[in-house]
Amino acid sequence: MRPSLLVASLAIVVSGCSAGGTSGGDALPDPVVDTEVTSDIDYVAMGDSFSAGPFIGTMRTDPQGCARSKDNYPAFLADWLDVASYTDVTCSAATTADLYAPMTLFDGGTAPPQIDAVSSDTDLVTLGIGGNDFAIYDGLIRCQQPGAACPVDQLGADARKVAGRIAQAVRRITTIAPDADVLVVGYPDILPTEGTCKAIGTSPEVLGPVTEVAGLLNASLRRGAEAAGASYVDMEAVSGGHDVCAKGRAWVNGPRFRAGIAAPFHPKINGMRAIATEVYRQVTGEDPEVTEYAEPDPDVVVLNQG
């Protein structure tokens, strides 16, 4: 289903507007638009840990080894769109190869190929993946360690290669679901584009090449999406000032593991709300009624098997 058709399938009733804004910490932004939405959308969410949301609130157990939160951005989106069905196969540590083959999980379990969740009935697919390909994000984390060598040129070259893998993924999805609207979701800023802070403990000189490679990765995701006819959700463009150094305004967790909050250098719940908001805007052309937690209607949610 192409964007115009997907929007047409949504009955959006706008009952009031108020000035929006984002408060500090993980607090909710004020709702911008009060909407009542009904739809017949069959939604599939695919991706890695930046979509799955490891250690945000309550983890799903289908399977447990994917570390998939009940408050990740796919859950918020399913809630706000009031979808007819919802299948979330996002999985922490996933690469684009795991879209097509079974994935071995950290707990010894196995997750089926993510693309198996897509069918000819699928109307909407979000795809947030690519950072684990070629161990790009692992390399960027190592680059921040004092005295570590940072192979910037190689990481940059690997980031550029992701475009082809994303284009292939989109084409595979649309072959199975030719009427689906596919949105490739970019990564938000994790580190500041200028300066540094105590939360990172790394000099601006070290962070510069790291943020450069992160930008190349997002540019690669955009190229891959556009080459295959998908839409691109640019989270880098809207996440400035919400990196790990932003304190109460941060959308991402710092280097410490914080159970119930987020994995290191991963989105917190307010970051997931922000991503869901951008996807919702792109799908509907409207702003969502923002909720504190994701509560997709259990009567319409299709729970994953396993």
C-alpha atoms as a PDB file:
ATOM      1  CA  MET A   1       0.000   0.000   0.000  1.00  0.00           C
ATOM      2  CA  ARG A   2       1.571   3.254  -1.117  1.00  0.00           C
ATOM      3  CA  PRO A   3       1.581   6.316   1.197  1.00  0.00           C
ATOM      4  CA  SER A   4      -1.482   7.941  -0.365  1.00  0.00           C
ATOM      5  CA  LEU A   5      -3.463   4.721  -0.079  1.00  0.00           C
ATOM      6  CA  LEU A   6      -2.291   4.097   3.468  1.00  0.00           C
ATOM      7  CA  VAL A   7      -3.331   7.570   4.543  1.00  0.00           C
ATOM      8  CA  ALA A   8      -6.670   7.066   2.846  1.00  0.00           C
ATOM      9  CA  SER A   9      -7.252   3.951   4.941  1.00  0.00           C
ATOM     10  CA  LEU A  10      -7.024   5.996   8.140  1.00  0.00           C
ATOM     11  CA  ALA A  11     -10.125   7.749   9.419  1.00  0.00           C
ATOM     12  CA  ILE A  12      -8.578  10.583  11.399  1.00  0.00           C
ATOM     13  CA  VAL A  13     -10.873  12.762  13.469  1.00  0.00           C
ATOM     14  CA  VAL A  14      -9.157  15.867  14.801  1.00  0.00           C
ATOM     15  CA  SER A  15     -11.028  17.096  17.859  1.00  0.00           C
ATOM     16  CA  GLY A  16      -8.655  19.742  19.169  1.00  0.00           C
ATOM     17  CA  CYS A  17      -5.170  21.228  19.033  1.00  0.00           C
ATOM     18  CA  SER A  18      -2.800  22.659  21.584  1.00  0.00           C
ATOM     19  CA  ALA A  19       0.735  23.996  21.517  1.00  0.00           C
ATOM     20  CA  GLY A  20       3.220  21.129  21.703  1.00  0.00           C
ATOM     21  CA  GLY A  21       6.519  20.934  23.531  1.00  0.00           C
ATOM     22  CA  THR A  22       8.984  18.517  25.036  1.00  0.00           C
ATOM     23  CA  SER A  23       9.626  18.612  28.753  1.00  0.00           C
ATOM     24  CA  GLY A  24      12.780  17.468  30.477  1.00  0.00           C
ATOM     25  CA  GLY A  25      13.864  13.911  31.206  1.00  0.00           C
ATOM     26  CA  ASP A  26      11.614  11.099  30.108  1.00  0.00           C
ATOM     27  CA  ALA A  27       8.490  13.186  30.630  1.00  0.00           C
ATOM     28  CA  LEU A  28       5.908  13.306  27.870  1.00  0.00           C
ATOM     29  CA  PRO A  29       5.701  16.101  25.381  1.00  0.00           C
ATOM     30  CA  ASP A  30       2.295  17.733  25.459  1.00  0.00           C
ATOM     31  CA  PRO A  31      -0.034  16.171  22.883  1.00  0.00           C
ATOM     32  CA  VAL A  32      -0.118  18.306  19.767  1.00  0.00           C
ATOM     33  CA  VAL A  33      -3.202  16.815  18.171  1.00  0.00           C
ATOM     34  CA  ASP A  34      -6.011  14.925  19.855  1.00  0.00           C
ATOM     35  CA  THR A  35      -6.956  12.221  17.386  1.00  0.00           C
ATOM     36  CA  GLU A  36      -9.294   9.278  17.231  1.00  0.00           C
ATOM     37  CA  VAL A  37      -7.986   6.817  14.699  1.00  0.00           C
ATOM     38  CA  THR A  38      -9.472   3.670  13.258  1.00  0.00           C
ATOM     39  CA  SER A  39      -7.785   1.658  10.538  1.00  0.00           C
ATOM     40  CA  ASP A  40      -7.491  -1.742   8.940  1.00  0.00           C
ATOM     41  CA  ILE A  41      -3.700  -1.626   8.741  1.00  0.00           C
ATOM     42  CA  ASP A  42      -1.728  -4.860   9.010  1.00  0.00           C
ATOM     43  CA  TYR A  43       1.634  -3.714  10.406  1.00  0.00           C
ATOM     44  CA  VAL A  44       4.971  -5.559  10.576  1.00  0.00           C
ATOM     45  CA  ALA A  45       7.980  -4.115  12.439  1.00  0.00           C
ATOM     46  CA  MET A  46      11.459  -5.355  11.504  1.00  0.00           C
ATOM     47  CA  GLY A  47      14.851  -4.272  12.764  1.00  0.00           C
ATOM     48  CA  ASP A  48      17.653  -4.416  15.312  1.00  0.00           C
ATOM     49  CA  SER A  49      18.039  -3.262  18.932  1.00  0.00           C
ATOM     50  CA  PHE A  50      17.348   0.392  18.110  1.00  0.00           C
ATOM     51  CA  SER A  51      13.880  -0.785  17.118  1.00  0.00           C
ATOM     52  CA  ALA A  52      13.532  -3.589  19.674  1.00  0.00           C
ATOM     53  CA  GLY A  53      14.360  -1.408  22.699  1.00  0.00           C
ATOM     54  CA  PRO A  54      16.398  -3.682  24.993  1.00  0.00           C
ATOM     55  CA  PHE A  55      15.727  -3.175  28.722  1.00  0.00           C
ATOM     56  CA  ILE A  56      13.118  -0.435  28.325  1.00  0.00           C
ATOM     57  CA  GLY A  57      10.472  -1.322  30.897  1.00  0.00           C
ATOM     58  CA  THR A  58       8.955  -4.768  30.393  1.00  0.00           C
ATOM     59  CA  MET A  59      10.542  -7.177  27.938  1.00  0.00           C
ATOM     60  CA  ARG A  60       8.510  -9.402  25.646  1.00  0.00           C
ATOM     61  CA  THR A  61       9.220 -13.131  25.689  1.00  0.00           C
ATOM     62  CA  ASP A  62       8.419 -14.014  22.084  1.00  0.00           C
ATOM     63  CA  PRO A  63      11.331 -14.837  22.062  1.00  0.00           C
ATOM     64  CA  GLN A  64      13.023 -13.564  25.205  1.00  0.00           C
ATOM     65  CA  GLY A  65      16.448 -13.561  23.563  1.00  0.00           C
ATOM     66  CA  CYS A  66      15.500 -10.658  21.268  1.00  0.00           C
ATOM     67  CA  ALA A  67      15.293  -8.270  24.258  1.00  0.00           C
ATOM     68  CA  ARG A  68      12.218  -6.626  22.733  1.00  0.00           C
ATOM     69  CA  SER A  69      10.399  -4.028  24.828  1.00  0.00           C
ATOM     70  CA  LYS A  70       6.656  -3.582  25.127  1.00  0.00           C
ATOM     71  CA  ASP A  71       7.377   0.153  24.854  1.00  0.00           C
ATOM     72  CA  ASN A  72       9.494   0.283  21.708  1.00  0.00           C
ATOM     73  CA  TYR A  73       8.544   2.566  18.837  1.00  0.00           C
ATOM     74  CA  PRO A  74       6.699  -0.170  16.893  1.00  0.00           C
ATOM     75  CA  ALA A  75       4.435  -0.671  19.926  1.00  0.00           C
ATOM     76  CA  PHE A  76       3.736   3.060  20.180  1.00  0.00           C
ATOM     77  CA  LEU A  77       3.048   3.222  16.451  1.00  0.00           C
ATOM     78  CA  ALA A  78       0.699   0.231  16.567  1.00  0.00           C
ATOM     79  CA  ASP A  79      -1.147   1.916  19.435  1.00  0.00           C
ATOM     80  CA  TRP A  80      -1.437   5.344  17.821  1.00  0.00           C
ATOM     81  CA  LEU A  81      -2.472   3.954  14.415  1.00  0.00           C
ATOM     82  CA  ASP A  82      -4.937   1.554  16.061  1.00  0.00           C
ATOM     83  CA  VAL A  83      -3.792  -1.121  13.635  1.00  0.00           C
ATOM     84  CA  ALA A  84      -5.848  -4.173  12.772  1.00  0.00           C
ATOM     85  CA  SER A  85      -2.849  -6.464  13.268  1.00  0.00           C
ATOM     86  CA  TYR A  86       0.652  -5.968  14.569  1.00  0.00           C
ATOM     87  CA  THR A  87       3.650  -8.276  14.372  1.00  0.00           C
ATOM     88  CA  ASP A  88       6.921  -7.108  15.922  1.00  0.00           C
ATOM     89  CA  VAL A  89       9.922  -9.218  14.919  1.00  0.00           C
ATOM     90  CA  THR A  90      12.607  -6.668  15.799  1.00  0.00           C
ATOM     91  CA  CYS A  91      15.532  -8.329  17.534  1.00  0.00           C
ATOM     92  CA  SER A  92      18.583  -7.004  19.339  1.00  0.00           C
ATOM     93  CA  ALA A  93      21.888  -7.671  17.535  1.00  0.00           C
ATOM     94  CA  ALA A  94      20.127  -8.372  14.222  1.00  0.00           C
ATOM     95  CA  THR A  95      21.877  -7.703  10.924  1.00  0.00           C
ATOM     96  CA  THR A  96      20.328  -7.561   7.473  1.00  0.00           C
ATOM     97  CA  ALA A  97      21.293 -11.244   7.075  1.00  0.00           C
ATOM     98  CA  ASP A  98      18.846 -12.065   9.884  1.00  0.00           C
ATOM     99  CA  LEU A  99      15.995 -10.762   7.776  1.00  0.00           C
ATOM    100  CA  TYR A 100      16.278 -13.909   5.638  1.00  0.00           C
ATOM    101  CA  ALA A 101      17.745 -16.624   7.887  1.00  0.00           C
ATOM    102  CA  PRO A 102      17.152 -17.934  11.440  1.00  0.00           C
ATOM    103  CA  MET A 103      19.029 -15.911  14.045  1.00  0.00           C
ATOM    104  CA  THR A 104      20.868 -17.446  16.981  1.00  0.00           C
ATOM    105  CA  LEU A 105      20.138 -15.407  20.112  1.00  0.00           C
ATOM    106  CA  PHE A 106      22.365 -14.575  23.079  1.00  0.00           C
ATOM    107  CA  ASP A 107      20.404 -16.979  25.307  1.00  0.00           C
ATOM    108  CA  GLY A 108      20.858 -19.897  22.902  1.00  0.00           C
ATOM    109  CA  GLY A 109      17.396 -19.613  21.398  1.00  0.00           C
ATOM    110  CA  THR A 110      16.537 -19.015  17.779  1.00  0.00           C
ATOM    111  CA  ALA A 111      14.414 -16.404  16.058  1.00  0.00           C
ATOM    112  CA  PRO A 112      12.918 -17.145  12.627  1.00  0.00           C
ATOM    113  CA  PRO A 113      13.811 -14.978   9.626  1.00  0.00           C
ATOM    114  CA  GLN A 114      12.196 -11.592  10.137  1.00  0.00           C
ATOM    115  CA  ILE A 115      10.861 -11.499   6.598  1.00  0.00           C
ATOM    116  CA  ASP A 116       8.644 -14.488   7.419  1.00  0.00           C
ATOM    117  CA  ALA A 117       6.346 -12.041   9.232  1.00  0.00           C
ATOM    118  CA  VAL A 118       5.545 -10.254   5.957  1.00  0.00           C
ATOM    119  CA  SER A 119       2.657 -11.483   3.822  1.00  0.00           C
ATOM    120  CA  SER A 120       0.601 -10.312   0.877  1.00  0.00           C
ATOM    121  CA  ASP A 121      -1.826  -8.807   3.417  1.00  0.00           C
ATOM    122  CA  THR A 122       0.818  -6.554   4.982  1.00  0.00           C
ATOM    123  CA  ASP A 123       0.043  -2.839   4.577  1.00  0.00           C
ATOM    124  CA  LEU A 124       2.827  -1.177   6.561  1.00  0.00           C
ATOM    125  CA  VAL A 125       6.431  -2.205   7.288  1.00  0.00           C
ATOM    126  CA  THR A 126       8.997  -0.318   9.339  1.00  0.00           C
ATOM    127  CA  LEU A 127      12.617  -1.385   8.921  1.00  0.00           C
ATOM    128  CA  GLY A 128      15.323  -0.109  11.263  1.00  0.00           C
ATOM    129  CA  ILE A 129      18.533  -2.027  10.673  1.00  0.00           C
ATOM    130  CA  GLY A 130      22.077  -1.824   9.306  1.00  0.00           C
ATOM    131  CA  GLY A 131      24.199  -0.650  12.219  1.00  0.00           C
ATOM    132  CA  ASN A 132      25.270  -4.185  13.119  1.00  0.00           C
ATOM    133  CA  ASP A 133      26.303  -5.056   9.559  1.00  0.00           C
ATOM    134  CA  PHE A 134      30.094  -5.251   9.199  1.00  0.00           C
ATOM    135  CA  ALA A 135      30.165  -4.722  13.015  1.00  0.00           C
ATOM    136  CA  ILE A 136      29.916  -0.977  12.387  1.00  0.00           C
ATOM    137  CA  TYR A 137      28.466  -0.015  15.743  1.00  0.00           C
ATOM    138  CA  ASP A 138      30.828  -2.330  17.616  1.00  0.00           C
ATOM    139  CA  GLY A 139      33.681  -0.570  15.836  1.00  0.00           C
ATOM    140  CA  LEU A 140      32.349   2.856  16.775  1.00  0.00           C
ATOM    141  CA  ILE A 141      32.136   1.858  20.434  1.00  0.00           C
ATOM    142  CA  ARG A 142      35.726   0.602  20.374  1.00  0.00           C
ATOM    143  CA  CYS A 143      36.805   3.884  18.776  1.00  0.00           C
ATOM    144  CA  GLN A 144      35.720   5.721  21.926  1.00  0.00           C
ATOM    145  CA  GLN A 145      38.020   3.746  24.201  1.00  0.00           C
ATOM    146  CA  PRO A 146      41.169   5.605  25.293  1.00  0.00           C
ATOM    147  CA  GLY A 147      44.156   4.746  23.144  1.00  0.00           C
ATOM    148  CA  ALA A 148      42.165   2.561  20.768  1.00  0.00           C
ATOM    149  CA  ALA A 149      42.897   2.672  17.068  1.00  0.00           C
ATOM    150  CA  CYS A 150      39.871   3.800  15.073  1.00  0.00           C
ATOM    151  CA  PRO A 151      39.751   2.478  11.489  1.00  0.00           C
ATOM    152  CA  VAL A 152      37.660   5.413  10.264  1.00  0.00           C
ATOM    153  CA  ASP A 153      38.254   4.805   6.572  1.00  0.00           C
ATOM    154  CA  GLN A 154      37.216   1.152   6.800  1.00  0.00           C
ATOM    155  CA  LEU A 155      34.166   1.929   8.939  1.00  0.00           C
ATOM    156  CA  GLY A 156      33.129   4.621   6.487  1.00  0.00           C
ATOM    157  CA  ALA A 157      33.523   2.261   3.542  1.00  0.00           C
ATOM    158  CA  ASP A 158      31.480  -0.395   5.342  1.00  0.00           C
ATOM    159  CA  ALA A 159      28.768   2.140   6.168  1.00  0.00           C
ATOM    160  CA  ARG A 160      28.435   3.001   2.484  1.00  0.00           C
ATOM    161  CA  LYS A 161      27.960  -0.680   1.625  1.00  0.00           C
ATOM    162  CA  VAL A 162      24.828  -0.877   3.776  1.00  0.00           C
ATOM    163  CA  ALA A 163      22.832   0.994   1.108  1.00  0.00           C
ATOM    164  CA  GLY A 164      22.830  -2.037  -1.176  1.00  0.00           C
ATOM    165  CA  ARG A 165      21.682  -4.325   1.626  1.00  0.00           C
ATOM    166  CA  ILE A 166      18.827  -2.003   2.538  1.00  0.00           C
ATOM    167  CA  ALA A 167      17.720  -1.734  -1.077  1.00  0.00           C
ATOM    168  CA  GLN A 168      17.758  -5.524  -1.345  1.00  0.00           C
ATOM    169  CA  ALA A 169      15.699  -5.845   1.846  1.00  0.00           C
ATOM    170  CA  VAL A 170      13.084  -3.382   0.645  1.00  0.00           C
ATOM    171  CA  ARG A 171      12.792  -5.158  -2.700  1.00  0.00           C
ATOM    172  CA  ARG A 172      12.377  -8.514  -0.969  1.00  0.00           C
ATOM    173  CA  ILE A 173       9.657  -7.065   1.256  1.00  0.00           C
ATOM    174  CA  THR A 174       7.760  -5.472  -1.613  1.00  0.00           C
ATOM    175  CA  THR A 175       7.964  -8.657  -3.655  1.00  0.00           C
ATOM    176  CA  ILE A 176       6.042 -10.427  -0.899  1.00  0.00           C
ATOM    177  CA  ALA A 177       3.798  -7.463  -0.054  1.00  0.00           C
ATOM    178  CA  PRO A 178       3.523  -5.394  -3.257  1.00  0.00           C
ATOM    179  CA  ASP A 179       0.931  -3.016  -1.774  1.00  0.00           C
ATOM    180  CA  ALA A 180       2.833  -2.354   1.461  1.00  0.00           C
ATOM    181  CA  ASP A 181       4.180   1.042   2.441  1.00  0.00           C
ATOM    182  CA  VAL A 182       7.781   0.455   3.572  1.00  0.00           C
ATOM    183  CA  LEU A 183       9.551   2.979   5.788  1.00  0.00           C
ATOM    184  CA  VAL A 184      13.264   2.675   6.512  1.00  0.00           C
ATOM    185  CA  VAL A 185      13.938   4.277   9.915  1.00  0.00           C
ATOM    186  CA  GLY A 186      17.274   5.989  10.433  1.00  0.00           C
ATOM    187  CA  TYR A 187      19.283   6.121  13.660  1.00  0.00           C
ATOM    188  CA  PRO A 188      19.047   9.120  15.998  1.00  0.00           C
ATOM    189  CA  ASP A 189      22.112  11.026  17.133  1.00  0.00           C
ATOM    190  CA  ILE A 190      23.793   9.121  19.948  1.00  0.00           C
ATOM    191  CA  LEU A 191      26.823  11.355  20.450  1.00  0.00           C
ATOM    192  CA  PRO A 192      27.076  15.132  20.227  1.00  0.00           C
ATOM    193  CA  THR A 193      28.113  16.516  16.864  1.00  0.00           C
ATOM    194  CA  GLU A 194      30.218  19.119  18.695  1.00  0.00           C
ATOM    195  CA  GLY A 195      32.044  18.943  22.024  1.00  0.00           C
ATOM    196  CA  THR A 196      31.803  16.165  24.601  1.00  0.00           C
ATOM    197  CA  CYS A 197      30.702  15.594  28.213  1.00  0.00           C
ATOM    198  CA  LYS A 198      31.492  13.591  31.364  1.00  0.00           C
ATOM    199  CA  ALA A 199      28.883  10.976  30.427  1.00  0.00           C
ATOM    200  CA  ILE A 200      31.143   9.923  27.555  1.00  0.00           C
ATOM    201  CA  GLY A 201      34.575  10.758  28.893  1.00  0.00           C
ATOM    202  CA  THR A 202      36.072  10.998  25.420  1.00  0.00           C
ATOM    203  CA  SER A 203      37.643  14.024  23.748  1.00  0.00           C
ATOM    204  CA  PRO A 204      35.975  15.879  20.861  1.00  0.00           C
ATOM    205  CA  GLU A 205      38.903  14.833  18.656  1.00  0.00           C
ATOM    206  CA  VAL A 206      38.010  11.181  19.203  1.00  0.00           C
ATOM    207  CA  LEU A 207      34.267  11.722  18.823  1.00  0.00           C
ATOM    208  CA  GLY A 208      34.576  13.624  15.535  1.00  0.00           C
ATOM    209  CA  PRO A 209      35.379  10.594  13.341  1.00  0.00           C
ATOM    210  CA  VAL A 210      32.797   8.491  15.204  1.00  0.00           C
ATOM    211  CA  THR A 211      29.960  10.917  14.495  1.00  0.00           C
ATOM    212  CA  GLU A 212      31.161  11.216  10.894  1.00  0.00           C
ATOM    213  CA  VAL A 213      30.788   7.464  10.361  1.00  0.00           C
ATOM    214  CA  ALA A 214      27.357   7.509  12.031  1.00  0.00           C
ATOM    215  CA  GLY A 215      26.300  10.180   9.554  1.00  0.00           C
ATOM    216  CA  LEU A 216      27.598   8.109   6.651  1.00  0.00           C
ATOM    217  CA  LEU A 217      25.542   5.152   7.883  1.00  0.00           C
ATOM    218  CA  ASN A 218      22.328   7.175   7.948  1.00  0.00           C
ATOM    219  CA  ALA A 219      23.092   8.567   4.487  1.00  0.00           C
ATOM    220  CA  SER A 220      23.551   4.991   3.300  1.00  0.00           C
ATOM    221  CA  LEU A 221      20.199   3.957   4.765  1.00  0.00           C
ATOM    222  CA  ARG A 222      18.536   6.825   2.925  1.00  0.00           C
ATOM    223  CA  ARG A 223      20.166   5.886  -0.395  1.00  0.00           C
ATOM    224  CA  GLY A 224      19.128   2.274  -0.023  1.00  0.00           C
ATOM    225  CA  ALA A 225      15.556   3.180   0.853  1.00  0.00           C
ATOM    226  CA  GLU A 226      15.149   5.632  -2.004  1.00  0.00           C
ATOM    227  CA  ALA A 227      16.801   3.296  -4.532  1.00  0.00           C
ATOM    228  CA  ALA A 228      14.174   0.651  -3.806  1.00  0.00           C
ATOM    229  CA  GLY A 229      11.206   3.019  -3.608  1.00  0.00           C
ATOM    230  CA  ALA A 230      10.801   3.105   0.175  1.00  0.00           C
ATOM    231  CA  SER A 231      10.339   6.161   2.369  1.00  0.00           C
ATOM    232  CA  TYR A 232      13.096   7.240   4.729  1.00  0.00           C
ATOM    233  CA  VAL A 233      12.469   8.492   8.269  1.00  0.00           C
ATOM    234  CA  ASP A 234      15.318  10.871   9.097  1.00  0.00           C
ATOM    235  CA  MET A 235      15.855  10.652  12.855  1.00  0.00           C
ATOM    236  CA  GLU A 236      19.275  12.291  12.630  1.00  0.00           C
ATOM    237  CA  ALA A 237      17.588  15.493  11.457  1.00  0.00           C
ATOM    238  CA  VAL A 238      15.298  15.764  14.493  1.00  0.00           C
ATOM    239  CA  SER A 239      17.487  14.328  17.265  1.00  0.00           C
ATOM    240  CA  GLY A 240      19.996  17.175  17.541  1.00  0.00           C
ATOM    241  CA  GLY A 241      20.254  18.244  21.165  1.00  0.00           C
ATOM    242  CA  HIS A 242      18.930  14.889  22.396  1.00  0.00           C
ATOM    243  CA  ASP A 243      22.204  12.899  22.433  1.00  0.00           C
ATOM    244  CA  VAL A 244      23.757  11.314  25.527  1.00  0.00           C
ATOM    245  CA  CYS A 245      25.220  14.656  26.607  1.00  0.00           C
ATOM    246  CA  ALA A 246      21.801  16.362  26.666  1.00  0.00           C
ATOM    247  CA  LYS A 247      21.074  15.340  30.280  1.00  0.00           C
ATOM    248  CA  GLY A 248      17.330  15.697  30.865  1.00  0.00           C
ATOM    249  CA  ARG A 249      16.676  16.154  27.152  1.00  0.00           C
ATOM    250  CA  ALA A 250      18.557  13.003  26.115  1.00  0.00           C
ATOM    251  CA  TRP A 251      16.639  10.474  24.029  1.00  0.00           C
ATOM    252  CA  VAL A 252      19.404   7.895  24.407  1.00  0.00           C
ATOM    253  CA  ASN A 253      21.005   6.251  27.407  1.00  0.00           C
ATOM    254  CA  GLY A 254      24.651   6.819  28.274  1.00  0.00           C
ATOM    255  CA  PRO A 255      27.374   4.188  28.633  1.00  0.00           C
ATOM    256  CA  ARG A 256      25.907   2.557  31.776  1.00  0.00           C
ATOM    257  CA  PHE A 257      23.545  -0.405  31.629  1.00  0.00           C
ATOM    258  CA  ARG A 258      20.311   0.719  33.308  1.00  0.00           C
ATOM    259  CA  ALA A 259      17.755  -2.063  33.763  1.00  0.00           C
ATOM    260  CA  GLY A 260      14.277  -0.776  33.006  1.00  0.00           C
ATOM    261  CA  ILE A 261      15.692   2.315  31.273  1.00  0.00           C
ATOM    262  CA  ALA A 262      17.770   1.164  28.293  1.00  0.00           C
ATOM    263  CA  ALA A 263      20.893  -0.630  27.151  1.00  0.00           C
ATOM    264  CA  PRO A 264      24.061   1.479  26.845  1.00  0.00           C
ATOM    265  CA  PHE A 265      23.932   3.996  23.985  1.00  0.00           C
ATOM    266  CA  HIS A 266      20.381   2.951  23.044  1.00  0.00           C
ATOM    267  CA  PRO A 267      17.093   4.869  22.980  1.00  0.00           C
ATOM    268  CA  LYS A 268      15.147   5.329  26.199  1.00  0.00           C
ATOM    269  CA  ILE A 269      11.357   5.362  26.227  1.00  0.00           C
ATOM    270  CA  ASN A 270      11.227   9.054  25.352  1.00  0.00           C
ATOM    271  CA  GLY A 271      13.463   8.313  22.364  1.00  0.00           C
ATOM    272  CA  MET A 272      11.106   5.560  21.276  1.00  0.00           C
ATOM    273  CA  ARG A 273       8.178   7.956  21.526  1.00  0.00           C
ATOM    274  CA  ALA A 274      10.111  10.451  19.419  1.00  0.00           C
ATOM    275  CA  ILE A 275      10.826   7.870  16.709  1.00  0.00           C
ATOM    276  CA  ALA A 276       7.203   6.695  16.694  1.00  0.00           C
ATOM    277  CA  THR A 277       6.098  10.317  16.364  1.00  0.00           C
ATOM    278  CA  GLU A 278       8.232  10.854  13.255  1.00  0.00           C
ATOM    279  CA  VAL A 279       7.032   7.629  11.646  1.00  0.00           C
ATOM    280  CA  TYR A 280       3.417   8.490  12.455  1.00  0.00           C
ATOM    281  CA  ARG A 281       3.814  11.931  10.896  1.00  0.00           C
ATOM    282  CA  GLN A 282       5.229  10.414   7.733  1.00  0.00           C
ATOM    283  CA  VAL A 283       2.443   7.846   7.475  1.00  0.00           C
ATOM    284  CA  THR A 284      -0.495  10.130   8.241  1.00  0.00           C
ATOM    285  CA  GLY A 285       0.664  13.699   7.719  1.00  0.00           C
ATOM    286  CA  GLU A 286      -0.586  14.449  11.228  1.00  0.00           C
ATOM    287  CA  ASP A 287       0.838  14.562  14.755  1.00  0.00           C
ATOM    288  CA  PRO A 288      -0.158  11.741  17.103  1.00  0.00           C
ATOM    289  CA  GLU A 289      -1.875  11.925  20.439  1.00  0.00           C
ATOM    290  CA  VAL A 290       1.225  11.107  22.471  1.00  0.00           C
ATOM    291  CA  THR A 291       0.823   8.559  25.260  1.00  0.00           C
ATOM    292  CA  GLU A 292       3.136   7.777  28.150  1.00  0.00           C
ATOM    293  CA  TYR A 293       3.295   4.054  27.423  1.00  0.00           C
ATOM    294  CA  ALA A 294       2.476   1.945  24.389  1.00  0.00           C
ATOM    295  CA  GLU A 295      -0.832   0.122  24.753  1.00  0.00           C
ATOM    296  CA  PRO A 296      -1.863  -1.472  21.455  1.00  0.00           C
ATOM    297  CA  ASP A 297      -5.364  -2.900  21.704  1.00  0.00           C
ATOM    298  CA  PRO A 298      -4.904  -6.565  22.736  1.00  0.00           C
ATOM    299  CA  ASP A 299      -7.951  -7.495  20.648  1.00  0.00           C
ATOM    300  CA  VAL A 300      -6.223  -6.475  17.434  1.00  0.00           C
ATOM    301  CA  VAL A 301      -2.564  -7.220  18.157  1.00  0.00           C
ATOM    302  CA  VAL A 302      -1.158 -10.326  16.518  1.00  0.00           C
ATOM    303  CA  LEU A 303       1.370 -11.707  18.991  1.00  0.00           C
ATOM    304  CA  ASN A 304       4.444 -13.383  17.586  1.00  0.00           C
ATOM    305  CA  GLN A 305       4.702 -17.115  17.795  1.00  0.00           C
ATOM    306  CA  GLY A 306       7.402 -18.811  19.863  1.00  0.00           C
END
